[in-house]
Amino acid sequence: MEVGSIEREIYVDAPPETVFEVLSTPEHIREWWGGAETDLTPTPGSVAEISWGRGTADEHIGPLTVVEADPPRLFSFRWTYDEGAEAATATNSLLVTFELVPSDAGTLLRLTETGFRENGWEAAVLEAAYDDHVTGWDLYVPAIAAYVARLVATP
C-alpha cells in the first residue's frame, strides 16, 4: 500500500471566495467537517484546537497550525501532532493543503494531505493513520461541496 499522500479534487458550485470562507472559518468548518469545533483564525502561524465529540467517550482533540492563508486561492494547515510539541513541523505533523482554482462559475477544489511517511511512525501506525484519513477525506471533501450548495441556495 502506498501511504505517501492523499489527493482529492471536486468541483464546488460557488466562487473561490465563498469556498475559502467555508474552509477557513469555525462556523462553517463545523458544518462540513463532522461537527468539528475549532477556534481557528485563518492567519499564517496561528495555532488552534480542533475537536470532535468533546466530553464524550469518543472525544478527539488536537492542535492545528495554519501554514498559509492566501484568500481566495490557498489554505493550508498542519495537524496530527502532539500537543506537547513545540511547533508543528514537516517531521511531526501532517500538512493539509486546499487549493482553489476558478472554474466556470465555480471552484475546482484540490485537497492534498502529506507527511505520513515523514512522521517516523511504525508501519502499523502509519497504515492505520493513512487509512483513517483516506476514509475521512472520502467523506468530508464531498461534504464541503454539499454544504456550500446548501449555503449558496439559502436566500
C-alpha atoms as a PDB file:
ATOM      1  CA  MET A   1       0.000   0.000   0.000  1.00  0.00           C
ATOM      2  CA  GLU A   2       1.308   3.468  -0.902  1.00  0.00           C
ATOM      3  CA  VAL A   3       0.932   5.848   2.029  1.00  0.00           C
ATOM      4  CA  GLY A   4       2.674   8.937   0.675  1.00  0.00           C
ATOM      5  CA  SER A   5      -0.142  11.397   0.187  1.00  0.00           C
ATOM      6  CA  ILE A   6      -3.874  11.747  -0.182  1.00  0.00           C
ATOM      7  CA  GLU A   7      -5.268  13.768  -3.067  1.00  0.00           C
ATOM      8  CA  ARG A   8      -8.876  14.649  -3.768  1.00  0.00           C
ATOM      9  CA  GLU A   9     -10.434  17.005  -6.295  1.00  0.00           C
ATOM     10  CA  ILE A  10     -14.019  18.199  -6.536  1.00  0.00           C
ATOM     11  CA  TYR A  11     -15.944  20.918  -8.334  1.00  0.00           C
ATOM     12  CA  VAL A  12     -17.790  23.285  -5.993  1.00  0.00           C
ATOM     13  CA  ASP A  13     -20.584  25.375  -7.478  1.00  0.00           C
ATOM     14  CA  ALA A  14     -19.584  28.639  -5.818  1.00  0.00           C
ATOM     15  CA  PRO A  15     -16.829  31.212  -6.301  1.00  0.00           C
ATOM     16  CA  PRO A  16     -13.425  30.677  -4.648  1.00  0.00           C
ATOM     17  CA  GLU A  17     -14.131  33.461  -2.125  1.00  0.00           C
ATOM     18  CA  THR A  18     -17.097  31.506  -0.747  1.00  0.00           C
ATOM     19  CA  VAL A  19     -15.228  28.202  -0.722  1.00  0.00           C
ATOM     20  CA  PHE A  20     -12.237  29.772   1.059  1.00  0.00           C
ATOM     21  CA  GLU A  21     -14.532  31.133   3.791  1.00  0.00           C
ATOM     22  CA  VAL A  22     -16.169  27.711   4.219  1.00  0.00           C
ATOM     23  CA  LEU A  23     -12.759  26.033   4.569  1.00  0.00           C
ATOM     24  CA  SER A  24     -11.277  28.538   6.983  1.00  0.00           C
ATOM     25  CA  THR A  25     -13.892  29.775   9.462  1.00  0.00           C
ATOM     26  CA  PRO A  26     -15.099  27.901  12.549  1.00  0.00           C
ATOM     27  CA  GLU A  27     -18.826  28.322  11.959  1.00  0.00           C
ATOM     28  CA  HIS A  28     -18.541  26.750   8.505  1.00  0.00           C
ATOM     29  CA  ILE A  29     -15.948  24.106   9.412  1.00  0.00           C
ATOM     30  CA  ARG A  30     -18.393  22.701  11.993  1.00  0.00           C
ATOM     31  CA  GLU A  31     -20.974  22.164   9.240  1.00  0.00           C
ATOM     32  CA  TRP A  32     -18.900  20.168   6.755  1.00  0.00           C
ATOM     33  CA  TRP A  33     -16.252  18.533   8.968  1.00  0.00           C
ATOM     34  CA  GLY A  34     -18.394  16.227  11.051  1.00  0.00           C
ATOM     35  CA  GLY A  35     -19.246  18.717  13.779  1.00  0.00           C
ATOM     36  CA  ALA A  36     -15.616  19.723  14.389  1.00  0.00           C
ATOM     37  CA  GLU A  37     -15.257  22.554  16.859  1.00  0.00           C
ATOM     38  CA  THR A  38     -12.326  24.913  16.435  1.00  0.00           C
ATOM     39  CA  ASP A  39     -11.117  28.351  17.383  1.00  0.00           C
ATOM     40  CA  LEU A  40      -9.156  28.631  14.139  1.00  0.00           C
ATOM     41  CA  THR A  41      -8.172  32.002  12.725  1.00  0.00           C
ATOM     42  CA  PRO A  42      -7.097  31.853   9.066  1.00  0.00           C
ATOM     43  CA  THR A  43      -3.796  33.630   9.700  1.00  0.00           C
ATOM     44  CA  PRO A  44      -0.430  32.001   8.954  1.00  0.00           C
ATOM     45  CA  GLY A  45       1.257  30.887  12.171  1.00  0.00           C
ATOM     46  CA  SER A  46      -1.905  30.875  14.271  1.00  0.00           C
ATOM     47  CA  VAL A  47      -2.369  27.802  16.446  1.00  0.00           C
ATOM     48  CA  ALA A  48      -5.836  26.485  17.162  1.00  0.00           C
ATOM     49  CA  GLU A  49      -7.503  23.498  18.726  1.00  0.00           C
ATOM     50  CA  ILE A  50      -9.787  21.229  16.738  1.00  0.00           C
ATOM     51  CA  SER A  51     -12.069  18.748  18.443  1.00  0.00           C
ATOM     52  CA  TRP A  52     -14.750  16.190  17.784  1.00  0.00           C
ATOM     53  CA  GLY A  53     -17.009  14.685  20.429  1.00  0.00           C
ATOM     54  CA  ARG A  54     -15.774  16.893  23.263  1.00  0.00           C
ATOM     55  CA  GLY A  55     -16.898  15.466  26.602  1.00  0.00           C
ATOM     56  CA  THR A  56     -17.801  12.061  25.151  1.00  0.00           C
ATOM     57  CA  ALA A  57     -16.088   8.681  25.173  1.00  0.00           C
ATOM     58  CA  ASP A  58     -15.143   9.286  21.523  1.00  0.00           C
ATOM     59  CA  GLU A  59     -13.508  12.643  22.210  1.00  0.00           C
ATOM     60  CA  HIS A  60     -10.686  13.611  19.855  1.00  0.00           C
ATOM     61  CA  ILE A  61      -8.883  16.915  20.417  1.00  0.00           C
ATOM     62  CA  GLY A  62      -5.702  18.103  18.796  1.00  0.00           C
ATOM     63  CA  PRO A  63      -3.730  21.174  17.803  1.00  0.00           C
ATOM     64  CA  LEU A  64      -3.781  22.677  14.337  1.00  0.00           C
ATOM     65  CA  THR A  65      -1.385  25.314  12.950  1.00  0.00           C
ATOM     66  CA  VAL A  66      -2.255  27.484   9.955  1.00  0.00           C
ATOM     67  CA  VAL A  67       0.623  27.406   7.473  1.00  0.00           C
ATOM     68  CA  GLU A  68      -0.718  29.518   4.633  1.00  0.00           C
ATOM     69  CA  ALA A  69      -3.849  31.567   4.060  1.00  0.00           C
ATOM     70  CA  ASP A  70      -3.956  33.287   0.689  1.00  0.00           C
ATOM     71  CA  PRO A  71      -7.613  34.112   0.052  1.00  0.00           C
ATOM     72  CA  PRO A  72      -9.223  33.013  -2.127  1.00  0.00           C
ATOM     73  CA  ARG A  73      -6.718  30.612  -3.675  1.00  0.00           C
ATOM     74  CA  LEU A  74      -4.932  28.648  -0.943  1.00  0.00           C
ATOM     75  CA  PHE A  75      -5.442  27.492   2.636  1.00  0.00           C
ATOM     76  CA  SER A  76      -3.142  25.048   4.407  1.00  0.00           C
ATOM     77  CA  PHE A  77      -2.557  23.793   7.928  1.00  0.00           C
ATOM     78  CA  ARG A  78      -0.539  21.250   9.870  1.00  0.00           C
ATOM     79  CA  TRP A  79      -2.237  18.880  12.276  1.00  0.00           C
ATOM     80  CA  THR A  80      -1.967  15.437  13.849  1.00  0.00           C
ATOM     81  CA  TYR A  81       0.975  16.353  16.039  1.00  0.00           C
ATOM     82  CA  ASP A  82       1.450  16.009  19.773  1.00  0.00           C
ATOM     83  CA  GLU A  83       0.136  18.957  21.730  1.00  0.00           C
ATOM     84  CA  GLY A  84       3.394  18.854  23.690  1.00  0.00           C
ATOM     85  CA  ALA A  85       5.413  19.524  20.525  1.00  0.00           C
ATOM     86  CA  GLU A  86       6.986  22.952  20.486  1.00  0.00           C
ATOM     87  CA  ALA A  87       5.732  23.563  16.953  1.00  0.00           C
ATOM     88  CA  ALA A  88       4.239  21.688  14.020  1.00  0.00           C
ATOM     89  CA  THR A  89       6.991  20.724  11.574  1.00  0.00           C
ATOM     90  CA  ALA A  90       7.430  18.619   8.443  1.00  0.00           C
ATOM     91  CA  THR A  91       8.661  15.720  10.620  1.00  0.00           C
ATOM     92  CA  ASN A  92       5.972  15.689  13.321  1.00  0.00           C
ATOM     93  CA  SER A  93       2.702  16.607  11.593  1.00  0.00           C
ATOM     94  CA  LEU A  94       0.572  16.205   8.509  1.00  0.00           C
ATOM     95  CA  LEU A  95       0.125  19.047   6.019  1.00  0.00           C
ATOM     96  CA  VAL A  96      -3.328  19.642   4.534  1.00  0.00           C
ATOM     97  CA  THR A  97      -3.485  21.985   1.549  1.00  0.00           C
ATOM     98  CA  PHE A  98      -6.651  23.234  -0.106  1.00  0.00           C
ATOM     99  CA  GLU A  99      -6.002  24.807  -3.490  1.00  0.00           C
ATOM    100  CA  LEU A 100      -8.924  26.729  -5.010  1.00  0.00           C
ATOM    101  CA  VAL A 101      -8.937  27.289  -8.765  1.00  0.00           C
ATOM    102  CA  PRO A 102     -11.680  29.322 -10.500  1.00  0.00           C
ATOM    103  CA  SER A 103     -13.556  27.094 -12.929  1.00  0.00           C
ATOM    104  CA  ASP A 104     -16.529  28.353 -14.930  1.00  0.00           C
ATOM    105  CA  ALA A 105     -18.829  29.944 -12.320  1.00  0.00           C
ATOM    106  CA  GLY A 106     -17.441  27.790  -9.520  1.00  0.00           C
ATOM    107  CA  THR A 107     -14.277  26.437  -7.985  1.00  0.00           C
ATOM    108  CA  LEU A 108     -12.117  23.409  -8.551  1.00  0.00           C
ATOM    109  CA  LEU A 109     -11.089  22.382  -5.030  1.00  0.00           C
ATOM    110  CA  ARG A 110      -7.925  20.307  -4.724  1.00  0.00           C
ATOM    111  CA  LEU A 111      -7.041  18.763  -1.388  1.00  0.00           C
ATOM    112  CA  THR A 112      -3.644  17.251  -0.694  1.00  0.00           C
ATOM    113  CA  GLU A 113      -2.547  15.758   2.619  1.00  0.00           C
ATOM    114  CA  THR A 114       1.113  14.830   3.020  1.00  0.00           C
ATOM    115  CA  GLY A 115       3.595  13.921   5.725  1.00  0.00           C
ATOM    116  CA  PHE A 116       2.561  10.386   6.617  1.00  0.00           C
ATOM    117  CA  ARG A 117       5.974   8.816   5.999  1.00  0.00           C
ATOM    118  CA  GLU A 118       7.870  11.770   7.474  1.00  0.00           C
ATOM    119  CA  ASN A 119       6.367  11.270  10.949  1.00  0.00           C
ATOM    120  CA  GLY A 120       8.540   8.232  11.658  1.00  0.00           C
ATOM    121  CA  TRP A 121       5.578   6.105  12.699  1.00  0.00           C
ATOM    122  CA  GLU A 122       5.973   2.328  12.752  1.00  0.00           C
ATOM    123  CA  ALA A 123       4.332   0.601   9.766  1.00  0.00           C
ATOM    124  CA  ALA A 124       1.095  -0.421  11.522  1.00  0.00           C
ATOM    125  CA  VAL A 125       0.525   3.068  12.960  1.00  0.00           C
ATOM    126  CA  LEU A 126       1.348   4.668   9.617  1.00  0.00           C
ATOM    127  CA  GLU A 127      -1.088   2.458   7.723  1.00  0.00           C
ATOM    128  CA  ALA A 128      -3.862   2.960  10.296  1.00  0.00           C
ATOM    129  CA  ALA A 129      -3.443   6.761  10.243  1.00  0.00           C
ATOM    130  CA  TYR A 130      -3.354   6.821   6.450  1.00  0.00           C
ATOM    131  CA  ASP A 131      -6.458   4.605   6.142  1.00  0.00           C
ATOM    132  CA  ASP A 132      -8.299   6.752   8.703  1.00  0.00           C
ATOM    133  CA  HIS A 133      -7.503   9.944   6.793  1.00  0.00           C
ATOM    134  CA  VAL A 134      -8.411   8.419   3.406  1.00  0.00           C
ATOM    135  CA  THR A 135     -11.785   7.415   4.840  1.00  0.00           C
ATOM    136  CA  GLY A 136     -12.239  10.848   6.380  1.00  0.00           C
ATOM    137  CA  TRP A 137     -11.438  12.839   3.256  1.00  0.00           C
ATOM    138  CA  ASP A 138     -13.623  10.495   1.168  1.00  0.00           C
ATOM    139  CA  LEU A 139     -16.475  11.652   3.393  1.00  0.00           C
ATOM    140  CA  TYR A 140     -15.572  15.290   4.079  1.00  0.00           C
ATOM    141  CA  VAL A 141     -14.437  16.549   0.672  1.00  0.00           C
ATOM    142  CA  PRO A 142     -17.869  15.809  -0.866  1.00  0.00           C
ATOM    143  CA  ALA A 143     -19.421  17.274   2.304  1.00  0.00           C
ATOM    144  CA  ILE A 144     -17.699  20.587   1.529  1.00  0.00           C
ATOM    145  CA  ALA A 145     -19.398  20.762  -1.876  1.00  0.00           C
ATOM    146  CA  ALA A 146     -22.768  19.706  -0.441  1.00  0.00           C
ATOM    147  CA  TYR A 147     -22.573  22.252   2.381  1.00  0.00           C
ATOM    148  CA  VAL A 148     -21.588  25.065   0.001  1.00  0.00           C
ATOM    149  CA  ALA A 149     -24.529  24.133  -2.261  1.00  0.00           C
ATOM    150  CA  ARG A 150     -26.921  24.452   0.700  1.00  0.00           C
ATOM    151  CA  LEU A 151     -25.237  27.674   1.819  1.00  0.00           C
ATOM    152  CA  VAL A 152     -25.498  29.442  -1.535  1.00  0.00           C
ATOM    153  CA  ALA A 153     -29.073  28.181  -2.083  1.00  0.00           C
ATOM    154  CA  THR A 154     -30.225  29.816   1.168  1.00  0.00           C
ATOM    155  CA  PRO A 155     -31.672  33.273   0.439  1.00  0.00           C
END
